[in-house]
C-alpha atoms as a PDB file:
ATOM      1  CA  UNK A   1      31.640   5.405 -91.951  1.00  0.00           C
ATOM      2  CA  UNK A   2      28.540   4.808 -94.185  1.00  0.00           C
ATOM      3  CA  UNK A   3      27.212   2.067 -91.721  1.00  0.00           C
ATOM      4  CA  UNK A   4      26.869   3.790 -88.332  1.00  0.00           C
ATOM      5  CA  UNK A   5      24.247   6.715 -89.709  1.00  0.00           C
ATOM      6  CA  UNK A   6      22.466   3.583 -91.369  1.00  0.00           C
ATOM      7  CA  UNK A   7      22.065   1.881 -87.981  1.00  0.00           C
ATOM      8  CA  UNK A   8      21.148   5.054 -86.365  1.00  0.00           C
ATOM      9  CA  UNK A   9      18.392   5.622 -89.091  1.00  0.00           C
ATOM     10  CA  UNK A  10      17.219   1.770 -88.492  1.00  0.00           C
ATOM     11  CA  UNK A  11      17.199   2.129 -84.549  1.00  0.00           C
ATOM     12  CA  UNK A  12      15.398   5.410 -85.093  1.00  0.00           C
ATOM     13  CA  UNK A  13      12.753   3.709 -87.525  1.00  0.00           C
ATOM     14  CA  UNK A  14      11.967   0.772 -84.972  1.00  0.00           C
ATOM     15  CA  UNK A  15      11.925   3.042 -81.585  1.00  0.00           C
ATOM     16  CA  UNK A  16      10.854   6.762 -82.227  1.00  0.00           C
ATOM     17  CA  UNK A  17      12.481   9.447 -79.797  1.00  0.00           C
ATOM     18  CA  UNK A  18       9.167   9.631 -77.861  1.00  0.00           C
ATOM     19  CA  UNK A  19       9.548   5.832 -76.683  1.00  0.00           C
ATOM     20  CA  UNK A  20      12.959   6.162 -75.486  1.00  0.00           C
ATOM     21  CA  UNK A  21      12.400   7.049 -71.871  1.00  0.00           C
ATOM     22  CA  UNK A  22       9.607   4.211 -71.578  1.00  0.00           C
ATOM     23  CA  UNK A  23      12.287   1.881 -73.015  1.00  0.00           C
ATOM     24  CA  UNK A  24      15.149   3.184 -70.559  1.00  0.00           C
ATOM     25  CA  UNK A  25      12.669   2.973 -67.750  1.00  0.00           C
ATOM     26  CA  UNK A  26      11.500  -0.486 -68.567  1.00  0.00           C
ATOM     27  CA  UNK A  27      15.471  -1.579 -68.855  1.00  0.00           C
ATOM     28  CA  UNK A  28      16.076   0.102 -65.533  1.00  0.00           C
ATOM     29  CA  UNK A  29      13.407  -1.776 -63.755  1.00  0.00           C
ATOM     30  CA  UNK A  30      14.569  -5.231 -65.450  1.00  0.00           C
ATOM     31  CA  UNK A  31      18.136  -4.397 -64.453  1.00  0.00           C
ATOM     32  CA  UNK A  32      17.829  -3.584 -60.920  1.00  0.00           C
ATOM     33  CA  UNK A  33      17.073  -7.171 -59.814  1.00  0.00           C
ATOM     34  CA  UNK A  34      20.306  -8.558 -61.652  1.00  0.00           C
ATOM     35  CA  UNK A  35      22.145  -5.387 -60.368  1.00  0.00           C
ATOM     36  CA  UNK A  36      21.024  -6.399 -56.645  1.00  0.00           C
ATOM     37  CA  UNK A  37      21.726 -10.178 -57.168  1.00  0.00           C
ATOM     38  CA  UNK A  38      25.254  -9.422 -58.135  1.00  0.00           C
ATOM     39  CA  UNK A  39      26.123  -6.965 -55.404  1.00  0.00           C
ATOM     40  CA  UNK A  40      24.870  -9.535 -52.648  1.00  0.00           C
ATOM     41  CA  UNK A  41      27.020 -12.098 -54.425  1.00  0.00           C
ATOM     42  CA  UNK A  42      29.901  -9.825 -53.973  1.00  0.00           C
ATOM     43  CA  UNK A  43      28.957  -9.269 -50.381  1.00  0.00           C
ATOM     44  CA  UNK A  44      28.760 -13.054 -49.509  1.00  0.00           C
ATOM     45  CA  UNK A  45      32.256 -13.371 -51.218  1.00  0.00           C
ATOM     46  CA  UNK A  46      33.561 -10.671 -49.225  1.00  0.00           C
ATOM     47  CA  UNK A  47      32.234 -12.092 -45.855  1.00  0.00           C
ATOM     48  CA  UNK A  48      34.148 -15.491 -46.438  1.00  0.00           C
ATOM     49  CA  UNK A  49      37.297 -13.354 -47.269  1.00  0.00           C
ATOM     50  CA  UNK A  50      36.822 -11.397 -44.121  1.00  0.00           C
ATOM     51  CA  UNK A  51      36.173 -14.849 -42.255  1.00  0.00           C
ATOM     52  CA  UNK A  52      39.242 -16.192 -43.343  1.00  0.00           C
ATOM     53  CA  UNK A  53      41.341 -13.276 -42.475  1.00  0.00           C
ATOM     54  CA  UNK A  54      39.318 -12.552 -38.940  1.00  0.00           C
ATOM     55  CA  UNK A  55      40.842 -13.456 -35.462  1.00  0.00           C
ATOM     56  CA  UNK A  56      38.958 -16.718 -33.937  1.00  0.00           C
ATOM     57  CA  UNK A  57      36.620 -14.638 -31.928  1.00  0.00           C
ATOM     58  CA  UNK A  58      35.208 -12.504 -34.783  1.00  0.00           C
ATOM     59  CA  UNK A  59      34.936 -15.238 -37.151  1.00  0.00           C
ATOM     60  CA  UNK A  60      31.240 -16.431 -36.254  1.00  0.00           C
ATOM     61  CA  UNK A  61      29.789 -13.177 -37.019  1.00  0.00           C
ATOM     62  CA  UNK A  62      31.169 -13.041 -40.520  1.00  0.00           C
ATOM     63  CA  UNK A  63      29.850 -16.454 -40.940  1.00  0.00           C
ATOM     64  CA  UNK A  64      26.130 -15.718 -39.560  1.00  0.00           C
ATOM     65  CA  UNK A  65      26.212 -12.689 -41.889  1.00  0.00           C
ATOM     66  CA  UNK A  66      27.241 -14.366 -45.078  1.00  0.00           C
ATOM     67  CA  UNK A  67      24.785 -17.203 -44.626  1.00  0.00           C
ATOM     68  CA  UNK A  68      22.051 -14.491 -43.526  1.00  0.00           C
ATOM     69  CA  UNK A  69      22.859 -12.737 -47.070  1.00  0.00           C
ATOM     70  CA  UNK A  70      22.699 -16.101 -49.008  1.00  0.00           C
ATOM     71  CA  UNK A  71      19.373 -17.543 -47.008  1.00  0.00           C
ATOM     72  CA  UNK A  72      17.066 -18.975 -49.589  1.00  0.00           C
ATOM     73  CA  UNK A  73      18.846 -17.998 -52.749  1.00  0.00           C
ATOM     74  CA  UNK A  74      20.476 -20.869 -54.455  1.00  0.00           C
ATOM     75  CA  UNK A  75      22.851 -18.696 -56.704  1.00  0.00           C
ATOM     76  CA  UNK A  76      24.198 -16.992 -53.537  1.00  0.00           C
ATOM     77  CA  UNK A  77      24.671 -20.221 -51.549  1.00  0.00           C
ATOM     78  CA  UNK A  78      26.461 -21.802 -54.405  1.00  0.00           C
ATOM     79  CA  UNK A  79      28.852 -18.588 -54.401  1.00  0.00           C
ATOM     80  CA  UNK A  80      29.148 -19.168 -50.708  1.00  0.00           C
ATOM     81  CA  UNK A  81      30.030 -22.959 -51.005  1.00  0.00           C
ATOM     82  CA  UNK A  82      32.603 -22.300 -54.029  1.00  0.00           C
ATOM     83  CA  UNK A  83      34.294 -19.512 -51.861  1.00  0.00           C
ATOM     84  CA  UNK A  84      34.263 -22.139 -48.904  1.00  0.00           C
ATOM     85  CA  UNK A  85      35.662 -24.681 -50.898  1.00  0.00           C
ATOM     86  CA  UNK A  86      38.364 -22.303 -52.320  1.00  0.00           C
ATOM     87  CA  UNK A  87      39.607 -21.621 -48.770  1.00  0.00           C
ATOM     88  CA  UNK A  88      39.080 -25.144 -47.653  1.00  0.00           C
ATOM     89  CA  UNK A  89      36.358 -24.356 -45.090  1.00  0.00           C
ATOM     90  CA  UNK A  90      34.808 -27.808 -44.542  1.00  0.00           C
ATOM     91  CA  UNK A  91      32.178 -26.893 -42.047  1.00  0.00           C
ATOM     92  CA  UNK A  92      30.984 -23.940 -44.180  1.00  0.00           C
ATOM     93  CA  UNK A  93      30.780 -25.638 -47.445  1.00  0.00           C
ATOM     94  CA  UNK A  94      29.053 -28.691 -45.768  1.00  0.00           C
ATOM     95  CA  UNK A  95      26.547 -26.417 -44.156  1.00  0.00           C
ATOM     96  CA  UNK A  96      26.028 -24.234 -47.780  1.00  0.00           C
ATOM     97  CA  UNK A  97      25.689 -27.465 -49.464  1.00  0.00           C
ATOM     98  CA  UNK A  98      23.004 -28.752 -47.153  1.00  0.00           C
ATOM     99  CA  UNK A  99      20.947 -25.381 -47.396  1.00  0.00           C
ATOM    100  CA  UNK A 100      21.399 -25.735 -51.055  1.00  0.00           C
ATOM    101  CA  UNK A 101      19.708 -29.361 -50.942  1.00  0.00           C
ATOM    102  CA  UNK A 102      17.045 -27.826 -48.887  1.00  0.00           C
ATOM    103  CA  UNK A 103      16.400 -24.759 -50.735  1.00  0.00           C
ATOM    104  CA  UNK A 104      15.672 -27.295 -53.777  1.00  0.00           C
ATOM    105  CA  UNK A 105      18.947 -26.150 -55.967  1.00  0.00           C
ATOM    106  CA  UNK A 106      19.380 -27.178 -59.504  1.00  0.00           C
ATOM    107  CA  UNK A 107      20.843 -30.837 -59.632  1.00  0.00           C
ATOM    108  CA  UNK A 108      23.731 -29.742 -61.871  1.00  0.00           C
ATOM    109  CA  UNK A 109      24.990 -27.051 -59.345  1.00  0.00           C
ATOM    110  CA  UNK A 110      24.872 -29.875 -56.639  1.00  0.00           C
ATOM    111  CA  UNK A 111      26.900 -32.152 -58.567  1.00  0.00           C
ATOM    112  CA  UNK A 112      29.665 -29.638 -59.696  1.00  0.00           C
ATOM    113  CA  UNK A 113      29.818 -28.475 -56.109  1.00  0.00           C
ATOM    114  CA  UNK A 114      30.084 -32.219 -54.863  1.00  0.00           C
ATOM    115  CA  UNK A 115      32.880 -32.980 -57.601  1.00  0.00           C
ATOM    116  CA  UNK A 116      34.889 -29.562 -56.516  1.00  0.00           C
ATOM    117  CA  UNK A 117      34.906 -31.175 -53.155  1.00  0.00           C
ATOM    118  CA  UNK A 118      35.891 -34.330 -54.176  1.00  0.00           C
ATOM    119  CA  UNK A 119      38.929 -32.580 -55.976  1.00  0.00           C
ATOM    120  CA  UNK A 120      40.005 -30.610 -52.728  1.00  0.00           C
ATOM    121  CA  UNK A 121      40.033 -33.707 -50.593  1.00  0.00           C
ATOM    122  CA  UNK A 122      42.943 -35.181 -52.278  1.00  0.00           C
ATOM    123  CA  UNK A 123      45.345 -37.207 -50.155  1.00  0.00           C
ATOM    124  CA  UNK A 124      48.620 -36.081 -49.519  1.00  0.00           C
ATOM    125  CA  UNK A 125      51.130 -36.969 -52.485  1.00  0.00           C
ATOM    126  CA  UNK A 126      54.716 -36.712 -50.753  1.00  0.00           C
ATOM    127  CA  UNK A 127      55.725 -36.094 -47.059  1.00  0.00           C
ATOM    128  CA  UNK A 128      58.356 -33.231 -48.333  1.00  0.00           C
ATOM    129  CA  UNK A 129      55.721 -31.309 -50.206  1.00  0.00           C
ATOM    130  CA  UNK A 130      53.368 -31.592 -47.325  1.00  0.00           C
ATOM    131  CA  UNK A 131      56.056 -30.604 -44.757  1.00  0.00           C
ATOM    132  CA  UNK A 132      57.073 -27.670 -46.785  1.00  0.00           C
ATOM    133  CA  UNK A 133      53.641 -26.387 -46.891  1.00  0.00           C
ATOM    134  CA  UNK A 134      52.952 -26.727 -43.211  1.00  0.00           C
ATOM    135  CA  UNK A 135      56.233 -24.978 -42.302  1.00  0.00           C
ATOM    136  CA  UNK A 136      55.114 -22.011 -44.240  1.00  0.00           C
ATOM    137  CA  UNK A 137      51.625 -22.092 -42.751  1.00  0.00           C
ATOM    138  CA  UNK A 138      53.406 -22.324 -39.218  1.00  0.00           C
ATOM    139  CA  UNK A 139      55.607 -19.699 -40.117  1.00  0.00           C
ATOM    140  CA  UNK A 140      52.938 -16.968 -41.242  1.00  0.00           C
ATOM    141  CA  UNK A 141      50.814 -17.940 -38.380  1.00  0.00           C
ATOM    142  CA  UNK A 142      48.122 -19.953 -40.067  1.00  0.00           C
ATOM    143  CA  UNK A 143      48.059 -22.268 -37.216  1.00  0.00           C
ATOM    144  CA  UNK A 144      44.567 -23.720 -37.966  1.00  0.00           C
ATOM    145  CA  UNK A 145      45.365 -24.350 -41.700  1.00  0.00           C
ATOM    146  CA  UNK A 146      48.627 -26.007 -40.609  1.00  0.00           C
ATOM    147  CA  UNK A 147      46.798 -28.008 -38.061  1.00  0.00           C
ATOM    148  CA  UNK A 148      44.244 -29.082 -40.863  1.00  0.00           C
ATOM    149  CA  UNK A 149      46.839 -29.968 -43.276  1.00  0.00           C
ATOM    150  CA  UNK A 150      49.164 -31.695 -40.932  1.00  0.00           C
ATOM    151  CA  UNK A 151      46.296 -34.075 -39.736  1.00  0.00           C
ATOM    152  CA  UNK A 152      45.910 -36.122 -42.821  1.00  0.00           C
ATOM    153  CA  UNK A 153      49.681 -35.868 -43.538  1.00  0.00           C
ATOM    154  CA  UNK A 154      50.572 -37.593 -40.546  1.00  0.00           C
ATOM    155  CA  UNK A 155      47.650 -40.377 -40.972  1.00  0.00           C
ATOM    156  CA  UNK A 156      49.337 -40.835 -44.619  1.00  0.00           C
ATOM    157  CA  UNK A 157      52.837 -40.801 -43.681  1.00  0.00           C
ATOM    158  CA  UNK A 158      52.862 -41.567 -39.702  1.00  0.00           C
ATOM    159  CA  UNK A 159      56.615 -42.052 -39.491  1.00  0.00           C
ATOM    160  CA  UNK A 160      58.072 -39.415 -41.228  1.00  0.00           C
ATOM    161  CA  UNK A 161      60.355 -37.459 -39.043  1.00  0.00           C
ATOM    162  CA  UNK A 162      59.802 -34.104 -40.783  1.00  0.00           C
ATOM    163  CA  UNK A 163      55.988 -34.218 -40.327  1.00  0.00           C
ATOM    164  CA  UNK A 164      56.438 -35.626 -36.679  1.00  0.00           C
ATOM    165  CA  UNK A 165      58.626 -32.533 -35.764  1.00  0.00           C
ATOM    166  CA  UNK A 166      56.262 -30.040 -37.540  1.00  0.00           C
ATOM    167  CA  UNK A 167      53.689 -31.708 -35.180  1.00  0.00           C
ATOM    168  CA  UNK A 168      55.485 -31.130 -32.134  1.00  0.00           C
ATOM    169  CA  UNK A 169      56.530 -27.664 -33.278  1.00  0.00           C
ATOM    170  CA  UNK A 170      52.814 -26.703 -33.921  1.00  0.00           C
ATOM    171  CA  UNK A 171      51.879 -28.047 -30.561  1.00  0.00           C
ATOM    172  CA  UNK A 172      54.409 -25.561 -28.861  1.00  0.00           C
ATOM    173  CA  UNK A 173      53.480 -22.754 -31.077  1.00  0.00           C
ATOM    174  CA  UNK A 174      49.444 -23.557 -30.210  1.00  0.00           C
ATOM    175  CA  UNK A 175      49.989 -23.777 -26.236  1.00  0.00           C
END
């Protein structure tokens, strides 16, 4: 307990009580832009999640708002691209990367995002693994994602009977 009063005494010797309101005001002025940026980043993430959950007709509105929130701010565009990569939304991450390049983003950010994209684009490993994942997507109603995953799986394993049957099943559900 001997150290706490000494710390308080040291702080009081550097910053007398009359300077505290000025220091708090300075801290608030410097903290507001950081806080505002973090709020906008959370809003961008939220819009991408809403996009994923929204029906097809409402999706474009959410993406327009997300790109409007991120416009011209490299950190927000990086967040938008990361979320799009995470949810496998290829047209959105491509647009975000293009806008990042136009905004003059840091080359390291662009390199890391391109590496994430390369990792996400791995080829299907085994037809049974793909068939199980696609079947779960069809049963849960995620038909677009099922189609996105089925297309490369069929390209890699065109004669697999499970994938062919899932393709027919998906076509019936989409019709």
